[in-house]
Amino acid sequence: TFWVNSEGDCCSLNDNGTLKDGSPPSISTSRQQQQQESTPYFTIHPKCRLFQSKSAIHYGHSPLFILGDSHSLSIGWQTVQIRRRQQEKQSMTHSLVSTSSSRPKLVEKCVNNSDGAIFSHRTIVPYPVTGLKAWHVRPNTQFFTNYNLQVSLRRLPLSCRTILLTAGEIDCREGMGGKRLEGYNESCNEEVRKTVGAYVSSVKQIAKEHDLQILLLPVAHHAYRSEKNGKALGRAQRRERMVVWNDALRDECSMISDSSPENASRDSSLEQRVFLLDYEKGLRHADEKSPVGFVLDNAYNADYTHMNSAFLPLLEDALERCDCDLNLI
């Protein structure tokens, strides 16, 4: 078992949890508690790549990491059920081997139900990047959220082939239409589309650089709020921006999927790596007072801005429909 100190030095631990020189490591959680939780005993220095001891972290199921803004926490530590497609059953026997020689073998456990369908399960593990805007994902962004995103990507284990990514809600809530804010001016709808285009383009670059399949989450609309507190106009504008955002996101991701198969076969860089989990319309609840005709269904509402985990079945359905490579999840 290993421990990383505050200077980034890797130290080996004795079985009793002390360092080799006999001194205890500066970790608040006891070794006994860590053993009870079946997790390895380590901390991570910001400059270190994530590593673990031979006893892998116990998530219940293999992890599916979600990166992004605070909305990544809505489904954190939940179990997602993945229904395997018919054509994938032959390759889903007992194990999956990565096509990349630098990645370890992934052991797959599947469950058959009574009608012969094959399911596998993942535990969604959040890697929140606090305050991340889609505009910050651009590689030339000089802002701490971009740095945090890059650090989170480097900390992913080598076995990780697919991640979920969520961003855009903060753009719609804070940044649209402010002429003094970078990337936007008073022609708001067009700037939303340009921002979505830059976002998807940057995500494609990240996917290629880190050899990942990236599944994008749409922006969820805010739940109904009373108009008595004087903020109704701002909320109405945000709802309109969110509709434009999600429509633009669909358009950008459909353009990726419409790439010529002949070209893709000649140029591996054109291989599709980015997909949209398009469940947003399933979140809607009709509301005639809303300028867009709907609000977030209250069943999915956590705090009027964030969702709770009840939308997970919608995400599962979107996984099956999005044409991504489920063997990489």
Protein backbone atom coordinates (compact mmCIF):
# COMPACT_ATOMS: atom_id res chain seq x y z
CA THR A 1 0.00 0.00 0.00
CA PHE A 2 1.25 3.48 -0.80
CA TRP A 3 0.80 7.05 0.33
CA VAL A 4 1.69 10.34 -1.37
CA ASN A 5 2.88 13.10 0.93
CA SER A 6 2.29 16.84 0.55
CA GLU A 7 5.45 17.17 -1.54
CA GLY A 8 4.30 14.56 -4.05
CA ASP A 9 6.70 11.86 -2.83
CA CYS A 10 5.48 8.28 -2.95
CA CYS A 11 6.06 6.37 0.29
CA SER A 12 5.51 2.71 1.10
CA LEU A 13 3.44 1.84 4.18
CA ASN A 14 3.86 -0.96 6.68
CA ASP A 15 0.92 -3.29 7.34
CA ASN A 16 0.06 -1.30 10.48
CA GLY A 17 -0.37 1.91 8.47
CA THR A 18 2.89 3.59 9.47
CA LEU A 19 5.63 4.76 7.14
CA LYS A 20 8.72 2.64 6.74
CA ASP A 21 10.54 4.93 9.20
CA GLY A 22 7.83 4.25 11.80
CA SER A 23 6.04 7.63 11.61
CA PRO A 24 2.30 7.78 10.85
CA PRO A 25 1.11 9.39 7.61
CA SER A 26 -0.90 12.61 7.90
CA ILE A 27 -4.25 11.19 6.88
CA SER A 28 -7.36 11.73 8.99
CA THR A 29 -9.16 8.51 8.00
CA SER A 30 -7.96 5.48 9.93
CA ARG A 31 -6.54 2.46 8.16
CA GLN A 32 -9.13 0.26 9.87
CA GLN A 33 -11.94 2.37 8.47
CA GLN A 34 -10.38 2.28 5.01
CA GLN A 35 -10.18 -1.51 5.19
CA GLN A 36 -13.82 -1.72 6.23
CA GLU A 37 -14.75 0.39 3.22
CA SER A 38 -12.53 -1.77 0.96
CA THR A 39 -10.66 1.26 -0.36
CA PRO A 40 -6.88 1.60 -0.74
CA TYR A 41 -5.05 3.80 1.75
CA PHE A 42 -3.68 6.76 -0.16
CA THR A 43 -3.97 10.44 -0.91
CA ILE A 44 -3.21 12.24 -4.15
CA HIS A 45 -0.91 15.16 -4.73
CA PRO A 46 -2.14 17.55 -7.48
CA LYS A 47 0.91 16.87 -9.66
CA CYS A 48 0.64 13.08 -9.41
CA ARG A 49 -1.21 10.80 -11.78
CA LEU A 50 -3.87 8.75 -10.03
CA PHE A 51 -2.60 5.34 -8.99
CA GLN A 52 -3.78 2.65 -6.63
CA SER A 53 -2.48 -0.41 -4.90
CA LYS A 54 -3.17 -3.95 -6.08
CA SER A 55 -6.39 -3.88 -4.07
CA ALA A 56 -8.57 -1.87 -6.44
CA ILE A 57 -11.05 0.69 -5.15
CA HIS A 58 -14.36 -1.01 -4.46
CA TYR A 59 -17.24 0.80 -6.17
CA GLY A 60 -19.68 -2.11 -6.20
CA HIS A 61 -19.28 -2.16 -9.98
CA SER A 62 -16.63 -0.93 -12.38
CA PRO A 63 -16.55 2.89 -12.36
CA LEU A 64 -17.96 5.18 -15.01
CA PHE A 65 -16.44 8.61 -14.36
CA ILE A 66 -18.37 11.83 -14.86
CA LEU A 67 -16.46 15.10 -15.15
CA GLY A 68 -17.82 18.62 -15.28
CA ASP A 69 -19.63 21.24 -13.26
CA SER A 70 -21.63 20.65 -10.07
CA HIS A 71 -24.34 18.87 -12.07
CA SER A 72 -22.00 15.89 -12.15
CA LEU A 73 -22.93 15.27 -8.52
CA SER A 74 -26.61 14.66 -9.32
CA ILE A 75 -25.93 11.05 -10.30
CA GLY A 76 -22.75 10.51 -8.32
CA TRP A 77 -22.34 7.01 -6.82
CA GLN A 78 -25.48 5.76 -8.54
CA THR A 79 -25.56 2.46 -10.43
CA VAL A 80 -26.27 2.69 -14.14
CA GLN A 81 -27.61 -0.37 -15.96
CA ILE A 82 -26.41 -0.80 -19.54
CA ARG A 83 -28.46 -2.94 -21.87
CA ARG A 84 -26.15 -4.49 -24.43
CA ARG A 85 -27.16 -4.37 -28.08
CA GLN A 86 -27.90 -7.60 -29.95
CA GLN A 87 -24.83 -7.34 -32.17
CA GLU A 88 -22.59 -6.88 -29.13
CA LYS A 89 -23.62 -10.05 -27.31
CA GLN A 90 -21.03 -12.21 -29.05
CA SER A 91 -18.22 -9.99 -27.78
CA MET A 92 -19.65 -9.68 -24.27
CA THR A 93 -18.84 -13.16 -23.00
CA HIS A 94 -16.75 -12.71 -19.87
CA SER A 95 -14.04 -10.19 -20.70
CA LEU A 96 -13.22 -7.23 -22.88
CA VAL A 97 -9.71 -6.47 -24.03
CA SER A 98 -8.72 -2.91 -24.98
CA THR A 99 -7.53 -2.28 -28.51
CA SER A 100 -4.79 -0.11 -27.02
CA SER A 101 -1.76 -2.04 -25.82
CA SER A 102 -1.09 0.59 -23.14
CA ARG A 103 -4.39 -0.10 -21.40
CA PRO A 104 -5.07 -3.01 -19.04
CA LYS A 105 -7.58 -5.76 -19.61
CA LEU A 106 -11.11 -4.96 -18.50
CA VAL A 107 -12.98 -7.77 -16.79
CA GLU A 108 -16.69 -7.62 -17.61
CA LYS A 109 -19.46 -9.18 -15.55
CA CYS A 110 -22.84 -9.39 -17.27
CA VAL A 111 -26.33 -10.31 -16.12
CA ASN A 112 -28.91 -12.12 -18.24
CA ASN A 113 -32.59 -11.54 -17.50
CA SER A 114 -35.50 -13.85 -18.28
CA ASP A 115 -35.99 -12.59 -21.85
CA GLY A 116 -32.35 -13.15 -22.78
CA ALA A 117 -31.26 -9.50 -22.63
CA ILE A 118 -27.74 -8.86 -21.42
CA PHE A 119 -27.02 -6.11 -18.90
CA SER A 120 -23.88 -4.80 -17.27
CA HIS A 121 -23.61 -2.26 -14.49
CA ARG A 122 -21.37 0.69 -13.63
CA THR A 123 -21.01 2.91 -10.60
CA ILE A 124 -20.98 6.57 -11.65
CA VAL A 125 -18.02 8.24 -9.98
CA PRO A 126 -18.00 12.08 -10.01
CA TYR A 127 -14.87 14.11 -10.71
CA PRO A 128 -16.38 17.61 -10.25
CA VAL A 129 -14.62 20.56 -11.86
CA THR A 130 -16.15 23.36 -9.84
CA GLY A 131 -17.48 26.25 -11.91
CA LEU A 132 -16.64 24.71 -15.29
CA LYS A 133 -18.22 26.50 -18.23
CA ALA A 134 -18.35 24.99 -21.70
CA TRP A 135 -16.46 28.08 -22.89
CA HIS A 136 -13.61 27.12 -20.53
CA VAL A 137 -13.08 23.74 -22.24
CA ARG A 138 -11.26 25.42 -25.14
CA PRO A 139 -7.56 24.46 -25.05
CA ASN A 140 -6.34 28.08 -25.09
CA THR A 141 -8.39 29.09 -22.05
CA GLN A 142 -6.31 30.73 -19.33
CA PHE A 143 -8.58 30.02 -16.39
CA PHE A 144 -8.33 27.72 -13.40
CA THR A 145 -11.34 25.61 -14.43
CA ASN A 146 -9.56 24.52 -17.60
CA TYR A 147 -6.50 23.58 -15.55
CA ASN A 148 -8.67 21.60 -13.12
CA LEU A 149 -10.31 19.78 -16.02
CA GLN A 150 -6.92 18.80 -17.44
CA VAL A 151 -5.75 17.58 -14.04
CA SER A 152 -8.92 15.50 -13.64
CA LEU A 153 -8.39 13.95 -17.07
CA ARG A 154 -4.81 13.01 -16.19
CA ARG A 155 -5.99 11.40 -12.96
CA LEU A 156 -8.29 8.98 -14.75
CA PRO A 157 -7.09 5.37 -14.40
CA LEU A 158 -5.58 3.76 -17.47
CA SER A 159 -8.51 1.34 -17.66
CA CYS A 160 -10.92 4.24 -18.29
CA ARG A 161 -12.12 4.23 -21.90
CA THR A 162 -15.31 6.34 -21.60
CA ILE A 163 -16.34 9.34 -19.52
CA LEU A 164 -19.46 11.44 -19.10
CA LEU A 165 -19.00 15.20 -19.41
CA THR A 166 -21.41 17.91 -18.27
CA ALA A 167 -21.04 21.64 -18.93
CA GLY A 168 -23.10 24.51 -20.29
CA GLU A 169 -25.62 25.26 -17.55
CA ILE A 170 -23.40 27.93 -16.04
CA ASP A 171 -22.89 29.47 -19.48
CA CYS A 172 -26.66 29.74 -19.90
CA ARG A 173 -27.20 31.00 -16.37
CA GLU A 174 -24.37 33.54 -16.08
CA GLY A 175 -22.71 34.29 -19.38
CA MET A 176 -25.20 34.65 -22.20
CA GLY A 177 -25.79 38.16 -23.48
CA GLY A 178 -23.26 39.97 -21.31
CA LYS A 179 -21.34 42.08 -23.81
CA ARG A 180 -18.37 42.46 -21.47
CA LEU A 181 -17.97 38.73 -20.94
CA GLU A 182 -15.46 36.88 -23.11
CA GLY A 183 -17.07 35.04 -25.98
CA TYR A 184 -20.47 36.73 -25.92
CA ASN A 185 -22.17 39.86 -27.16
CA GLU A 186 -25.74 41.13 -27.37
CA SER A 187 -26.61 38.86 -30.33
CA CYS A 188 -27.22 36.13 -27.85
CA ASN A 189 -28.66 33.19 -29.81
CA GLU A 190 -25.90 33.24 -32.39
CA GLU A 191 -23.28 33.42 -29.67
CA VAL A 192 -24.87 30.42 -27.96
CA ARG A 193 -24.47 28.41 -31.16
CA LYS A 194 -20.86 29.55 -31.58
CA THR A 195 -20.10 28.60 -27.99
CA VAL A 196 -21.62 25.14 -28.45
CA GLY A 197 -19.57 24.69 -31.62
CA ALA A 198 -16.35 25.63 -29.82
CA TYR A 199 -17.30 23.33 -26.93
CA VAL A 200 -17.91 20.25 -29.09
CA SER A 201 -14.78 20.94 -31.15
CA SER A 202 -12.70 21.15 -27.97
CA VAL A 203 -14.23 17.98 -26.56
CA LYS A 204 -13.35 16.13 -29.77
CA GLN A 205 -9.76 17.26 -29.32
CA ILE A 206 -9.75 16.07 -25.70
CA ALA A 207 -11.20 12.71 -26.72
CA LYS A 208 -8.45 12.18 -29.29
CA GLU A 209 -5.66 13.39 -27.01
CA HIS A 210 -6.68 11.15 -24.10
CA ASP A 211 -7.93 8.21 -26.21
CA LEU A 212 -11.42 8.47 -24.71
CA GLN A 213 -15.00 8.09 -25.78
CA ILE A 214 -16.85 11.11 -24.34
CA LEU A 215 -20.59 11.17 -23.74
CA LEU A 216 -22.02 14.68 -23.41
CA LEU A 217 -24.91 15.52 -21.13
CA PRO A 218 -27.44 18.17 -22.23
CA VAL A 219 -28.29 21.21 -20.13
CA ALA A 220 -31.33 20.58 -17.93
CA HIS A 221 -33.91 23.33 -17.69
CA HIS A 222 -34.54 24.97 -14.35
CA ALA A 223 -37.60 24.03 -12.33
CA TYR A 224 -40.56 26.34 -11.79
CA ARG A 225 -39.92 29.27 -9.47
CA SER A 226 -42.35 31.87 -8.20
CA GLU A 227 -42.36 35.17 -10.10
CA LYS A 228 -42.87 37.20 -6.93
CA ASN A 229 -39.19 37.81 -6.17
CA GLY A 230 -38.55 39.95 -9.25
CA LYS A 231 -36.24 37.52 -11.09
CA ALA A 232 -38.80 36.20 -13.56
CA LEU A 233 -37.34 38.06 -16.56
CA GLY A 234 -33.85 36.63 -16.05
CA ARG A 235 -35.23 33.11 -15.64
CA ALA A 236 -37.28 33.45 -18.81
CA GLN A 237 -34.20 34.49 -20.76
CA ARG A 238 -32.20 31.58 -19.37
CA ARG A 239 -34.90 29.09 -20.40
CA GLU A 240 -34.78 30.45 -23.94
CA ARG A 241 -30.99 30.19 -24.02
CA MET A 242 -31.14 26.59 -22.80
CA VAL A 243 -33.46 25.59 -25.65
CA VAL A 244 -31.06 27.14 -28.16
CA TRP A 245 -28.13 25.45 -26.41
CA ASN A 246 -29.60 21.93 -26.51
CA ASP A 247 -30.77 22.33 -30.12
CA ALA A 248 -27.28 23.46 -31.13
CA LEU A 249 -25.74 20.56 -29.20
CA ARG A 250 -27.94 18.11 -31.11
CA ASP A 251 -26.94 19.70 -34.39
CA GLU A 252 -23.21 19.61 -33.62
CA CYS A 253 -23.26 15.98 -32.46
CA SER A 254 -25.40 14.87 -35.41
CA MET A 255 -22.83 16.45 -37.74
CA ILE A 256 -20.18 14.24 -36.14
CA SER A 257 -22.26 11.09 -36.62
CA ASP A 258 -22.97 12.02 -40.27
CA SER A 259 -19.25 11.92 -41.15
CA SER A 260 -18.54 9.75 -44.17
CA PRO A 261 -17.68 6.14 -43.19
CA GLU A 262 -15.33 5.99 -46.18
CA ASN A 263 -13.37 8.98 -44.91
CA ALA A 264 -13.37 7.60 -41.38
CA SER A 265 -11.86 4.33 -42.62
CA ARG A 266 -9.04 6.24 -44.34
CA ASP A 267 -8.34 8.61 -41.46
CA SER A 268 -8.48 7.30 -37.91
CA SER A 269 -8.56 10.87 -36.62
CA LEU A 270 -12.13 11.10 -37.97
CA GLU A 271 -13.29 8.19 -35.81
CA GLN A 272 -16.30 9.29 -33.81
CA ARG A 273 -15.44 9.68 -30.15
CA VAL A 274 -18.06 12.19 -28.96
CA PHE A 275 -21.76 11.38 -28.50
CA LEU A 276 -24.76 13.18 -27.03
CA LEU A 277 -26.95 11.54 -24.40
CA ASP A 278 -30.12 13.15 -25.69
CA TYR A 279 -32.62 12.69 -22.86
CA GLU A 280 -33.42 16.40 -22.38
CA LYS A 281 -36.95 16.28 -23.82
CA GLY A 282 -37.86 13.62 -21.26
CA LEU A 283 -37.18 16.14 -18.47
CA ARG A 284 -39.83 18.60 -19.62
CA HIS A 285 -43.09 19.44 -17.87
CA ALA A 286 -45.61 21.61 -19.73
CA ASP A 287 -46.03 25.11 -18.26
CA GLU A 288 -47.92 27.78 -20.17
CA LYS A 289 -46.28 30.53 -18.12
CA SER A 290 -42.83 29.55 -19.35
CA PRO A 291 -41.67 31.39 -22.51
CA VAL A 292 -40.61 28.05 -23.98
CA GLY A 293 -43.77 26.21 -22.91
CA PHE A 294 -42.21 23.98 -20.27
CA VAL A 295 -40.06 23.77 -17.15
CA LEU A 296 -38.11 20.97 -15.50
CA ASP A 297 -40.43 18.21 -14.32
CA ASN A 298 -40.61 18.49 -10.54
CA ALA A 299 -39.87 14.76 -10.23
CA TYR A 300 -36.28 15.54 -11.23
CA ASN A 301 -35.87 18.74 -9.23
CA ALA A 302 -33.31 18.96 -6.43
CA ASP A 303 -32.85 22.69 -5.76
CA TYR A 304 -34.50 24.40 -8.79
CA THR A 305 -31.13 24.54 -10.58
CA HIS A 306 -29.73 21.02 -10.12
CA MET A 307 -31.49 17.73 -10.74
CA ASN A 308 -31.75 14.75 -8.44
CA SER A 309 -30.80 11.25 -9.51
CA ALA A 310 -34.32 10.29 -10.62
CA PHE A 311 -33.42 11.03 -14.25
CA LEU A 312 -30.96 8.11 -14.33
CA PRO A 313 -33.38 5.81 -16.27
CA LEU A 314 -33.57 8.50 -18.97
CA LEU A 315 -29.77 8.53 -19.15
CA GLU A 316 -29.73 4.72 -19.41
CA ASP A 317 -32.14 4.84 -22.36
CA ALA A 318 -30.03 7.55 -24.01
CA LEU A 319 -26.93 5.37 -23.63
CA GLU A 320 -28.61 2.63 -25.63
CA ARG A 321 -29.80 5.04 -28.33
CA CYS A 322 -26.72 7.21 -28.86
CA ASP A 323 -24.77 4.71 -31.03
CA CYS A 324 -21.66 4.91 -28.84
CA ASP A 325 -19.45 1.84 -28.40
CA LEU A 326 -20.92 0.22 -25.30
CA ASN A 327 -17.94 -2.14 -25.17
CA LEU A 328 -15.84 0.85 -24.10
CA ILE A 329 -18.01 1.62 -21.06
